[in-house]
Structures are given as structure tokens and as C-alpha cells.
Amino acid sequence: MKTVAKKHRGEIIISLLRQESLKNWGMKLYQEIKEMVGEPDLLKTNFNKGLFVSKTGYESKWWSLAEIKGIKNYFSGEMVNEISTPHFITIHISLNNF
């Protein structure tokens, strides 16, 4: 994504689920959509690593604040906008000048 955006002087918009919300809010969310993702597999789900796994094999990564910071640093472009809630963060990075 970074290579293509840099080559074409583009922008990147990424929305990430926040790890600290997985245990409470995320598990409630997955209960609501269990027909789509399957029943939670509590033996494979790891709240400390931000990993949700269902019994059908569906997996979802929830990102820690340190991982989110690392993603921002990796793209190292101009931060256009950031929207943060307790449950997710959306970052908009421009690589027009890089």
C-alpha cells in the first residue's frame, strides 16, 4: 500500500479496531454478528494480543496503541486527519510530498 501510494503521490486511509475494546465492546459486537462470523472460540481468542477467533476460523486483529503508532511511523507521510473513538481509530495519511 505504501509503495503504490508513494509512486502515485496518493493517500492512505486506514481504520483499525482498538485492542483495549475487544474484551467488552468487541465481544458484544461479535455476538450480534455471530451468524456471519461464527461463535467466538474463547480458547483461541487472545485479548492481550488483540486477536479474535471464531469457531468457524474467522480471525480479526485489534490493534494496540503502540502498534497503531508503529503503523503511523511506517507510512511516515503527512497526517491529514485522525478520528479516534474508544473502539476504533481512522488515520488519513498523504504521501503526496514523499
C-alpha atoms as a PDB file:
ATOM      1  CA  MET A   1       0.000   0.000   0.000  1.00  0.00           C
ATOM      2  CA  LYS A   2       2.802   2.400   0.923  1.00  0.00           C
ATOM      3  CA  THR A   3       4.729   1.677  -2.299  1.00  0.00           C
ATOM      4  CA  VAL A   4       1.717   2.293  -4.529  1.00  0.00           C
ATOM      5  CA  ALA A   5       0.672   5.444  -2.647  1.00  0.00           C
ATOM      6  CA  LYS A   6       4.195   6.891  -2.828  1.00  0.00           C
ATOM      7  CA  LYS A   7       4.550   6.046  -6.517  1.00  0.00           C
ATOM      8  CA  HIS A   8       1.280   7.763  -7.395  1.00  0.00           C
ATOM      9  CA  ARG A   9       1.548  10.536  -4.784  1.00  0.00           C
ATOM     10  CA  GLY A  10      -1.586   9.189  -3.184  1.00  0.00           C
ATOM     11  CA  GLU A  11      -3.239   8.981   0.170  1.00  0.00           C
ATOM     12  CA  ILE A  12      -3.945   6.150   2.571  1.00  0.00           C
ATOM     13  CA  ILE A  13      -6.968   5.820   4.843  1.00  0.00           C
ATOM     14  CA  ILE A  14      -6.874   3.023   7.391  1.00  0.00           C
ATOM     15  CA  SER A  15      -9.449   2.184  10.044  1.00  0.00           C
ATOM     16  CA  LEU A  16      -8.241  -0.025  12.888  1.00  0.00           C
ATOM     17  CA  LEU A  17     -10.108  -1.657  15.747  1.00  0.00           C
ATOM     18  CA  ARG A  18      -8.579  -0.794  19.138  1.00  0.00           C
ATOM     19  CA  GLN A  19      -7.288  -3.698  21.204  1.00  0.00           C
ATOM     20  CA  GLU A  20      -8.490  -2.360  24.541  1.00  0.00           C
ATOM     21  CA  SER A  21     -12.096  -2.553  23.280  1.00  0.00           C
ATOM     22  CA  LEU A  22     -12.035  -6.193  22.179  1.00  0.00           C
ATOM     23  CA  LYS A  23     -12.887  -7.828  25.501  1.00  0.00           C
ATOM     24  CA  ASN A  24     -16.044  -5.847  26.222  1.00  0.00           C
ATOM     25  CA  TRP A  25     -17.341  -3.960  23.199  1.00  0.00           C
ATOM     26  CA  GLY A  26     -15.842  -6.290  20.587  1.00  0.00           C
ATOM     27  CA  MET A  27     -17.216  -9.480  22.091  1.00  0.00           C
ATOM     28  CA  LYS A  28     -20.689  -7.899  22.240  1.00  0.00           C
ATOM     29  CA  LEU A  29     -20.295  -6.903  18.591  1.00  0.00           C
ATOM     30  CA  TYR A  30     -19.338 -10.438  17.576  1.00  0.00           C
ATOM     31  CA  GLN A  31     -22.325 -11.852  19.459  1.00  0.00           C
ATOM     32  CA  GLU A  32     -24.567  -9.602  17.348  1.00  0.00           C
ATOM     33  CA  ILE A  33     -22.995 -10.811  14.091  1.00  0.00           C
ATOM     34  CA  LYS A  34     -22.311 -14.443  15.026  1.00  0.00           C
ATOM     35  CA  GLU A  35     -24.382 -15.646  12.053  1.00  0.00           C
ATOM     36  CA  MET A  36     -21.761 -14.032   9.840  1.00  0.00           C
ATOM     37  CA  VAL A  37     -18.517 -14.803  11.731  1.00  0.00           C
ATOM     38  CA  GLY A  38     -19.449 -17.771  13.912  1.00  0.00           C
ATOM     39  CA  GLU A  39     -19.420 -18.373  17.648  1.00  0.00           C
ATOM     40  CA  PRO A  40     -16.372 -16.996  19.490  1.00  0.00           C
ATOM     41  CA  ASP A  41     -13.627 -19.536  20.191  1.00  0.00           C
ATOM     42  CA  LEU A  42     -12.515 -18.442  23.639  1.00  0.00           C
ATOM     43  CA  LEU A  43      -9.625 -20.924  23.636  1.00  0.00           C
ATOM     44  CA  LYS A  44      -8.061 -19.235  20.587  1.00  0.00           C
ATOM     45  CA  THR A  45      -9.173 -15.634  21.182  1.00  0.00           C
ATOM     46  CA  ASN A  46      -6.370 -13.675  22.870  1.00  0.00           C
ATOM     47  CA  PHE A  47      -7.371 -10.340  24.386  1.00  0.00           C
ATOM     48  CA  ASN A  48      -3.765  -9.428  25.269  1.00  0.00           C
ATOM     49  CA  LYS A  49      -2.686  -9.811  21.641  1.00  0.00           C
ATOM     50  CA  GLY A  50      -5.874  -8.290  20.234  1.00  0.00           C
ATOM     51  CA  LEU A  51      -6.854 -11.431  18.379  1.00  0.00           C
ATOM     52  CA  PHE A  52     -10.445 -12.585  17.959  1.00  0.00           C
ATOM     53  CA  VAL A  53     -11.003 -16.088  16.566  1.00  0.00           C
ATOM     54  CA  SER A  54     -14.338 -17.758  15.963  1.00  0.00           C
ATOM     55  CA  LYS A  55     -15.123 -21.470  15.842  1.00  0.00           C
ATOM     56  CA  THR A  56     -15.519 -21.166  12.052  1.00  0.00           C
ATOM     57  CA  GLY A  57     -11.927 -19.908  11.775  1.00  0.00           C
ATOM     58  CA  TYR A  58     -12.767 -16.230  11.229  1.00  0.00           C
ATOM     59  CA  GLU A  59      -9.988 -14.050  12.671  1.00  0.00           C
ATOM     60  CA  SER A  60      -9.856 -10.353  13.409  1.00  0.00           C
ATOM     61  CA  LYS A  61      -6.897  -8.274  14.622  1.00  0.00           C
ATOM     62  CA  TRP A  62      -7.483  -5.486  17.134  1.00  0.00           C
ATOM     63  CA  TRP A  63      -4.535  -3.091  17.380  1.00  0.00           C
ATOM     64  CA  SER A  64      -2.740  -1.771  20.480  1.00  0.00           C
ATOM     65  CA  LEU A  65      -1.875   1.922  20.747  1.00  0.00           C
ATOM     66  CA  ALA A  66       1.811   1.021  20.291  1.00  0.00           C
ATOM     67  CA  GLU A  67       1.010  -0.922  17.102  1.00  0.00           C
ATOM     68  CA  ILE A  68      -1.075   1.986  15.790  1.00  0.00           C
ATOM     69  CA  LYS A  69       1.809   4.360  16.475  1.00  0.00           C
ATOM     70  CA  GLY A  70       4.097   1.977  14.576  1.00  0.00           C
ATOM     71  CA  ILE A  71       1.735   1.977  11.592  1.00  0.00           C
ATOM     72  CA  LYS A  72       1.706   5.779  11.533  1.00  0.00           C
ATOM     73  CA  ASN A  73       5.523   5.852  11.691  1.00  0.00           C
ATOM     74  CA  TYR A  74       5.815   3.230   8.954  1.00  0.00           C
ATOM     75  CA  PHE A  75       3.850   5.305   6.458  1.00  0.00           C
ATOM     76  CA  SER A  76       5.757   8.439   7.547  1.00  0.00           C
ATOM     77  CA  GLY A  77       3.660  10.768   5.447  1.00  0.00           C
ATOM     78  CA  GLU A  78       1.688  13.866   6.313  1.00  0.00           C
ATOM     79  CA  MET A  79      -1.125  13.152   8.770  1.00  0.00           C
ATOM     80  CA  VAL A  80      -4.191  14.675   7.107  1.00  0.00           C
ATOM     81  CA  ASN A  81      -6.741  13.599   9.704  1.00  0.00           C
ATOM     82  CA  GLU A  82      -7.238  11.201  12.576  1.00  0.00           C
ATOM     83  CA  ILE A  83     -10.539  10.157  14.083  1.00  0.00           C
ATOM     84  CA  SER A  84     -10.321   8.282  17.343  1.00  0.00           C
ATOM     85  CA  THR A  85     -13.068   6.694  19.410  1.00  0.00           C
ATOM     86  CA  PRO A  86     -12.755   4.238  22.298  1.00  0.00           C
ATOM     87  CA  HIS A  87     -13.382   1.409  19.801  1.00  0.00           C
ATOM     88  CA  PHE A  88     -11.536   2.311  16.609  1.00  0.00           C
ATOM     89  CA  ILE A  89      -9.162   4.788  15.048  1.00  0.00           C
ATOM     90  CA  THR A  90      -9.136   6.000  11.449  1.00  0.00           C
ATOM     91  CA  ILE A  91      -5.995   7.628  10.071  1.00  0.00           C
ATOM     92  CA  HIS A  92      -5.667   9.528   6.802  1.00  0.00           C
ATOM     93  CA  ILE A  93      -2.085   9.933   5.578  1.00  0.00           C
ATOM     94  CA  SER A  94      -0.918  11.779   2.477  1.00  0.00           C
ATOM     95  CA  LEU A  95       2.177  10.646   0.630  1.00  0.00           C
ATOM     96  CA  ASN A  96       1.921  13.461  -1.959  1.00  0.00           C
ATOM     97  CA  ASN A  97       5.215  15.052  -0.951  1.00  0.00           C
ATOM     98  CA  PHE A  98       7.257  11.973  -0.056  1.00  0.00           C
END
